[in-house]
């Protein structure tokens, strides 16, 4: 059963475990980049400010160049939402590495270049890329994203297919990482803020004030007197596991015509999925959950 556990508590427990873990040898560059980049993404989802404070001067300057508050994103919620569901694709050769953190919900990614020196990997450059730049889409073939712009009737098919295509394309050994295209930071900011605005509008809609809490209680099965998941949803939640259920967070929302809102959730512990909770507009009282579905676009990092 998914027990209630706050994301903050999980991050703290993970940090304590990492701090207590013994170090038996100097890390090798072949394996250290997996840990360094993966840990960075996880920490950015928890607290960008805390992450930056713990980085070396080179990495901190690199990340600050793409996480500036004056770039149009207000606060940290939007950045945390992006990193919560970003999958990592890695390319590495000797002491040079490259990672792409791609979040299909925003059809955008952060491309980082790393250098190994003095026993550690440092991020030396960073730039935002849109999905169409990663895939080298021809003009006129762009899919209307971010997520709240997708036709709900085509969502699962188009979204999952596009996400899988992007990840497979970026993982190819001969992927030509875009170097000359304009950086996608401004458009990504607009997408992030559109998602934040959609979430705020959902909560301000009559009957939806407690919808996030209702979704959390349903997905974590933490309220005995509340709605209980049926057999199908129980199987889904059992498959996700306790920690993933507890760490799911709202990252976006969209309207399904006049029927109701859909809440989109992701977890930094399982970035290869998006959980969709469909609500029905109420005639009176609170909105009720109509359906819960999980769309999967998992990519496993096997590069060395």
Protein backbone atom coordinates (compact mmCIF):
# COMPACT_ATOMS: atom_id res chain seq x y z
CA UNK A 1 0.00 0.00 0.00
CA UNK A 2 1.19 3.52 -0.72
CA UNK A 3 1.76 5.16 2.65
CA UNK A 4 1.82 8.91 3.02
CA UNK A 5 5.35 10.30 2.93
CA UNK A 6 6.24 13.88 2.07
CA UNK A 7 8.70 14.55 -0.71
CA UNK A 8 10.79 16.67 1.65
CA UNK A 9 11.08 13.73 4.05
CA UNK A 10 12.18 11.43 1.24
CA UNK A 11 14.85 13.88 0.06
CA UNK A 12 16.14 14.21 3.63
CA UNK A 13 16.22 10.43 4.10
CA UNK A 14 18.08 10.01 0.80
CA UNK A 15 20.59 12.70 1.73
CA UNK A 16 21.25 11.08 5.11
CA UNK A 17 21.76 7.70 3.45
CA UNK A 18 24.17 9.15 0.91
CA UNK A 19 26.13 10.95 3.59
CA UNK A 20 26.44 7.78 5.62
CA UNK A 21 27.43 5.58 2.68
CA UNK A 22 31.11 4.58 2.89
CA UNK A 23 33.54 5.63 0.16
CA UNK A 24 35.95 2.85 -0.71
CA UNK A 25 37.78 4.33 -3.67
CA UNK A 26 38.12 7.37 -5.89
CA UNK A 27 35.19 7.34 -8.33
CA UNK A 28 35.96 6.47 -11.94
CA UNK A 29 34.83 8.89 -14.66
CA UNK A 30 32.93 6.11 -16.48
CA UNK A 31 30.52 5.65 -13.58
CA UNK A 32 30.82 8.96 -11.77
CA UNK A 33 28.96 10.97 -14.42
CA UNK A 34 25.89 8.76 -14.03
CA UNK A 35 25.84 9.52 -10.31
CA UNK A 36 26.80 13.19 -10.56
CA UNK A 37 24.25 14.11 -13.22
CA UNK A 38 21.51 11.90 -11.80
CA UNK A 39 21.99 13.34 -8.33
CA UNK A 40 21.98 16.89 -9.71
CA UNK A 41 18.62 16.38 -11.42
CA UNK A 42 17.12 14.91 -8.25
CA UNK A 43 18.43 17.74 -6.07
CA UNK A 44 17.20 20.41 -8.51
CA UNK A 45 13.70 18.92 -8.27
CA UNK A 46 13.91 19.27 -4.48
CA UNK A 47 15.50 22.72 -4.14
CA UNK A 48 17.40 24.59 -6.87
CA UNK A 49 18.80 27.04 -4.32
CA UNK A 50 20.16 24.31 -2.04
CA UNK A 51 21.65 22.48 -5.03
CA UNK A 52 23.48 25.57 -6.30
CA UNK A 53 24.89 26.30 -2.86
CA UNK A 54 26.62 22.92 -2.80
CA UNK A 55 28.19 23.02 -6.27
CA UNK A 56 31.75 23.93 -7.23
CA UNK A 57 32.27 27.39 -8.72
CA UNK A 58 32.33 26.16 -12.34
CA UNK A 59 29.15 24.11 -12.09
CA UNK A 60 27.35 26.77 -10.05
CA UNK A 61 28.05 29.44 -12.66
CA UNK A 62 26.90 27.09 -15.43
CA UNK A 63 23.61 26.26 -13.76
CA UNK A 64 22.96 29.84 -12.68
CA UNK A 65 23.25 30.90 -16.32
CA UNK A 66 20.12 28.89 -17.18
CA UNK A 67 18.21 29.20 -13.89
CA UNK A 68 18.22 32.97 -13.47
CA UNK A 69 15.06 34.37 -11.94
CA UNK A 70 15.17 37.32 -14.33
CA UNK A 71 14.59 34.93 -17.26
CA UNK A 72 10.83 35.15 -16.75
CA UNK A 73 10.16 32.25 -14.43
CA UNK A 74 8.83 33.47 -11.08
CA UNK A 75 9.87 31.47 -8.04
CA UNK A 76 11.14 27.90 -8.01
CA UNK A 77 7.92 25.89 -8.48
CA UNK A 78 8.19 25.89 -12.27
CA UNK A 79 11.82 24.71 -12.25
CA UNK A 80 11.02 22.01 -9.71
CA UNK A 81 8.15 20.84 -11.92
CA UNK A 82 10.47 20.57 -14.91
CA UNK A 83 13.20 18.60 -13.15
CA UNK A 84 10.70 16.33 -11.36
CA UNK A 85 9.91 14.52 -14.60
CA UNK A 86 13.12 14.98 -16.61
CA UNK A 87 14.69 11.83 -18.00
CA UNK A 88 18.46 11.70 -18.47
CA UNK A 89 20.21 10.75 -21.70
CA UNK A 90 24.01 10.51 -21.44
CA UNK A 91 26.88 10.55 -23.90
CA UNK A 92 30.43 10.18 -22.65
CA UNK A 93 33.96 9.90 -24.06
CA UNK A 94 36.98 9.83 -21.75
CA UNK A 95 36.92 13.01 -19.65
CA UNK A 96 34.19 14.77 -21.64
CA UNK A 97 30.50 14.10 -21.15
CA UNK A 98 27.12 15.33 -22.25
CA UNK A 99 23.72 14.87 -20.62
CA UNK A 100 20.27 15.84 -21.77
CA UNK A 101 17.50 16.17 -19.19
CA UNK A 102 14.28 15.95 -21.20
CA UNK A 103 10.77 16.39 -19.79
CA UNK A 104 8.09 15.25 -22.25
CA UNK A 105 5.34 17.22 -20.45
CA UNK A 106 7.05 20.43 -21.59
CA UNK A 107 8.66 18.91 -24.71
CA UNK A 108 11.90 20.59 -23.66
CA UNK A 109 15.30 19.63 -22.30
CA UNK A 110 18.43 20.99 -20.69
CA UNK A 111 21.63 20.07 -22.52
CA UNK A 112 24.70 20.01 -20.28
CA UNK A 113 28.36 19.52 -21.15
CA UNK A 114 30.60 18.10 -18.42
CA UNK A 115 34.35 17.89 -17.87
CA UNK A 116 36.19 15.45 -15.59
CA UNK A 117 39.00 16.98 -13.57
CA UNK A 118 40.50 16.65 -10.08
CA UNK A 119 38.38 13.61 -9.36
CA UNK A 120 34.98 15.11 -10.14
CA UNK A 121 32.66 16.05 -12.99
CA UNK A 122 31.88 19.76 -13.44
CA UNK A 123 29.19 21.22 -15.69
CA UNK A 124 30.93 23.61 -18.08
CA UNK A 125 28.08 24.71 -20.35
CA UNK A 126 24.29 24.51 -20.45
CA UNK A 127 21.51 25.49 -22.82
CA UNK A 128 17.79 24.90 -23.10
CA UNK A 129 16.48 23.02 -26.14
CA UNK A 130 12.95 22.48 -27.35
CA UNK A 131 11.82 19.05 -28.43
CA UNK A 132 11.66 20.07 -32.06
CA UNK A 133 15.32 21.16 -31.88
CA UNK A 134 16.36 17.87 -30.30
CA UNK A 135 14.52 15.91 -33.01
CA UNK A 136 15.49 18.30 -35.83
CA UNK A 137 11.82 18.50 -36.82
CA UNK A 138 11.12 20.10 -40.16
CA UNK A 139 9.02 23.30 -39.99
CA UNK A 140 5.34 22.49 -40.30
CA UNK A 141 5.62 19.14 -38.50
CA UNK A 142 5.78 20.51 -34.95
CA UNK A 143 3.30 18.99 -32.51
CA UNK A 144 1.37 21.59 -30.47
CA UNK A 145 2.91 21.26 -27.02
CA UNK A 146 3.15 21.90 -24.06
CA UNK A 147 0.80 19.36 -22.65
CA UNK A 148 -2.16 21.65 -22.02
CA UNK A 149 -2.27 22.43 -25.74
CA UNK A 150 -2.60 18.80 -26.80
CA UNK A 151 -5.97 17.55 -28.00
CA UNK A 152 -7.08 15.35 -25.05
CA UNK A 153 -8.62 12.79 -27.39
CA UNK A 154 -5.16 12.19 -28.89
CA UNK A 155 -3.14 12.74 -25.72
CA UNK A 156 -1.88 9.28 -24.79
CA UNK A 157 -0.94 8.30 -28.32
CA UNK A 158 0.66 11.52 -29.53
CA UNK A 159 2.34 12.40 -26.25
CA UNK A 160 3.85 8.97 -25.60
CA UNK A 161 4.98 8.49 -29.19
CA UNK A 162 6.64 11.90 -29.34
CA UNK A 163 8.36 11.42 -25.97
CA UNK A 164 9.74 8.01 -26.93
CA UNK A 165 10.87 9.30 -30.32
CA UNK A 166 12.71 12.23 -28.76
CA UNK A 167 14.51 10.09 -26.17
CA UNK A 168 15.52 7.46 -28.73
CA UNK A 169 16.75 10.15 -31.11
CA UNK A 170 18.87 11.86 -28.43
CA UNK A 171 20.28 8.51 -27.23
CA UNK A 172 21.64 7.53 -30.65
CA UNK A 173 25.43 7.31 -30.68
CA UNK A 174 25.63 9.71 -33.63
CA UNK A 175 23.09 12.23 -32.28
CA UNK A 176 24.20 15.67 -33.50
CA UNK A 177 23.60 17.71 -30.35
CA UNK A 178 22.20 21.05 -31.57
CA UNK A 179 24.89 23.70 -31.34
CA UNK A 180 23.78 26.39 -33.77
CA UNK A 181 20.02 26.59 -33.12
CA UNK A 182 18.69 29.44 -30.96
CA UNK A 183 18.44 28.51 -27.29
CA UNK A 184 14.89 27.59 -26.28
CA UNK A 185 14.94 29.24 -22.85
CA UNK A 186 12.37 31.95 -23.58
CA UNK A 187 9.83 29.53 -25.03
CA UNK A 188 10.43 27.03 -22.23
CA UNK A 189 9.76 29.79 -19.70
CA UNK A 190 6.47 30.47 -21.44
CA UNK A 191 5.57 26.78 -21.31
CA UNK A 192 6.47 26.50 -17.64
CA UNK A 193 4.44 29.55 -16.73
CA UNK A 194 1.50 28.35 -18.84
CA UNK A 195 1.54 25.15 -16.79
CA UNK A 196 1.67 27.09 -13.52
CA UNK A 197 -1.21 29.29 -14.71
CA UNK A 198 -3.24 26.22 -15.67
CA UNK A 199 -2.69 24.70 -12.23
CA UNK A 200 -3.78 27.94 -10.56
CA UNK A 201 -6.86 28.19 -12.78
CA UNK A 202 -7.80 24.60 -11.98
CA UNK A 203 -7.66 25.26 -8.25
CA UNK A 204 -9.68 28.44 -8.60
CA UNK A 205 -12.47 26.68 -10.53
CA UNK A 206 -15.58 26.05 -8.44
CA UNK A 207 -15.41 22.63 -6.81
CA UNK A 208 -11.68 22.14 -7.41
CA UNK A 209 -10.22 23.82 -4.32
CA UNK A 210 -9.41 20.45 -2.72
CA UNK A 211 -8.70 18.54 -5.93
CA UNK A 212 -4.93 18.24 -5.43
CA UNK A 213 -5.39 16.85 -1.93
CA UNK A 214 -8.09 14.47 -3.20
CA UNK A 215 -5.73 13.20 -5.91
CA UNK A 216 -2.92 12.75 -3.38
CA UNK A 217 -5.14 10.85 -0.94
CA UNK A 218 -6.43 8.60 -3.71
CA UNK A 219 -3.00 7.84 -5.14
CA UNK A 220 -1.44 7.21 -1.71
CA UNK A 221 -4.55 5.51 -0.26
CA UNK A 222 -3.93 7.56 2.85
CA UNK A 223 -7.52 8.45 3.86
CA UNK A 224 -9.59 5.50 5.02
CA UNK A 225 -12.88 7.36 4.74
CA UNK A 226 -12.13 8.77 1.30
CA UNK A 227 -12.68 7.27 -2.14
CA UNK A 228 -10.95 3.92 -2.57
CA UNK A 229 -9.24 2.84 -5.79
CA UNK A 230 -10.87 0.04 -7.73
CA UNK A 231 -9.05 -3.15 -8.79
CA UNK A 232 -7.56 -1.59 -11.92
CA UNK A 233 -6.18 1.48 -10.12
CA UNK A 234 -4.96 -0.69 -7.24
CA UNK A 235 -2.84 -2.69 -9.68
CA UNK A 236 -1.45 0.55 -11.14
CA UNK A 237 -0.56 1.94 -7.71
CA UNK A 238 0.98 -1.32 -6.58
CA UNK A 239 3.14 -1.26 -9.70
CA UNK A 240 4.29 2.30 -9.03
CA UNK A 241 5.31 1.55 -5.46
CA UNK A 242 5.08 3.40 -2.17
CA UNK A 243 7.80 6.00 -2.73
CA UNK A 244 6.67 6.95 -6.23
CA UNK A 245 3.05 7.30 -5.12
CA UNK A 246 4.08 9.56 -2.27
CA UNK A 247 6.39 11.74 -4.37
CA UNK A 248 4.01 12.46 -7.25
CA UNK A 249 3.55 16.20 -7.65
CA UNK A 250 1.31 18.36 -9.86
CA UNK A 251 3.27 19.78 -12.80
CA UNK A 252 0.51 20.86 -15.18
CA UNK A 253 -3.22 20.69 -15.90
CA UNK A 254 -5.55 21.02 -18.86
CA UNK A 255 -9.26 21.24 -19.61
CA UNK A 256 -11.15 18.44 -21.33
CA UNK A 257 -13.64 20.69 -23.06
CA UNK A 258 -16.67 21.28 -20.81
CA UNK A 259 -16.25 17.96 -18.97
CA UNK A 260 -13.60 18.82 -16.41
CA UNK A 261 -9.94 19.29 -15.56
CA UNK A 262 -7.10 16.78 -15.88
CA UNK A 263 -4.28 17.04 -13.35
CA UNK A 264 -0.83 15.95 -14.59
CA UNK A 265 1.60 14.58 -12.00
CA UNK A 266 5.21 13.43 -12.19
CA UNK A 267 7.72 11.99 -9.74
CA UNK A 268 11.49 12.58 -9.60
CA UNK A 269 11.76 8.98 -8.39
CA UNK A 270 10.09 7.66 -11.56
CA UNK A 271 10.60 10.26 -14.28
CA UNK A 272 9.63 7.81 -17.00
CA UNK A 273 5.90 8.22 -16.31
CA UNK A 274 3.17 10.83 -16.12
CA UNK A 275 0.04 10.20 -14.06
CA UNK A 276 -3.18 11.76 -15.35
CA UNK A 277 -6.10 12.28 -12.97
CA UNK A 278 -9.33 13.19 -14.77
CA UNK A 279 -11.89 15.14 -12.74
CA UNK A 280 -15.54 15.84 -13.55
CA UNK A 281 -16.95 19.34 -13.07
CA UNK A 282 -19.46 19.16 -10.19
CA UNK A 283 -23.05 20.35 -10.36
CA UNK A 284 -22.63 21.08 -6.70
CA UNK A 285 -19.99 20.33 -4.09
CA UNK A 286 -16.53 19.08 -4.98
CA UNK A 287 -15.20 17.75 -8.27
CA UNK A 288 -14.88 13.97 -8.37
CA UNK A 289 -12.24 11.78 -9.94
CA UNK A 290 -13.47 10.09 -13.10
CA UNK A 291 -10.35 8.20 -14.17
CA UNK A 292 -6.64 7.75 -13.41
CA UNK A 293 -4.19 6.65 -16.08
CA UNK A 294 -0.42 6.32 -16.39
CA UNK A 295 1.46 7.03 -19.59
CA UNK A 296 4.95 5.52 -19.84
CA UNK A 297 7.90 6.67 -21.92
CA UNK A 298 10.75 5.11 -19.96
CA UNK A 299 14.29 5.37 -21.27
CA UNK A 300 17.01 3.43 -19.45
CA UNK A 301 20.51 4.90 -19.47
CA UNK A 302 22.79 2.07 -20.68
CA UNK A 303 25.62 4.15 -22.07
CA UNK A 304 29.13 3.84 -20.69
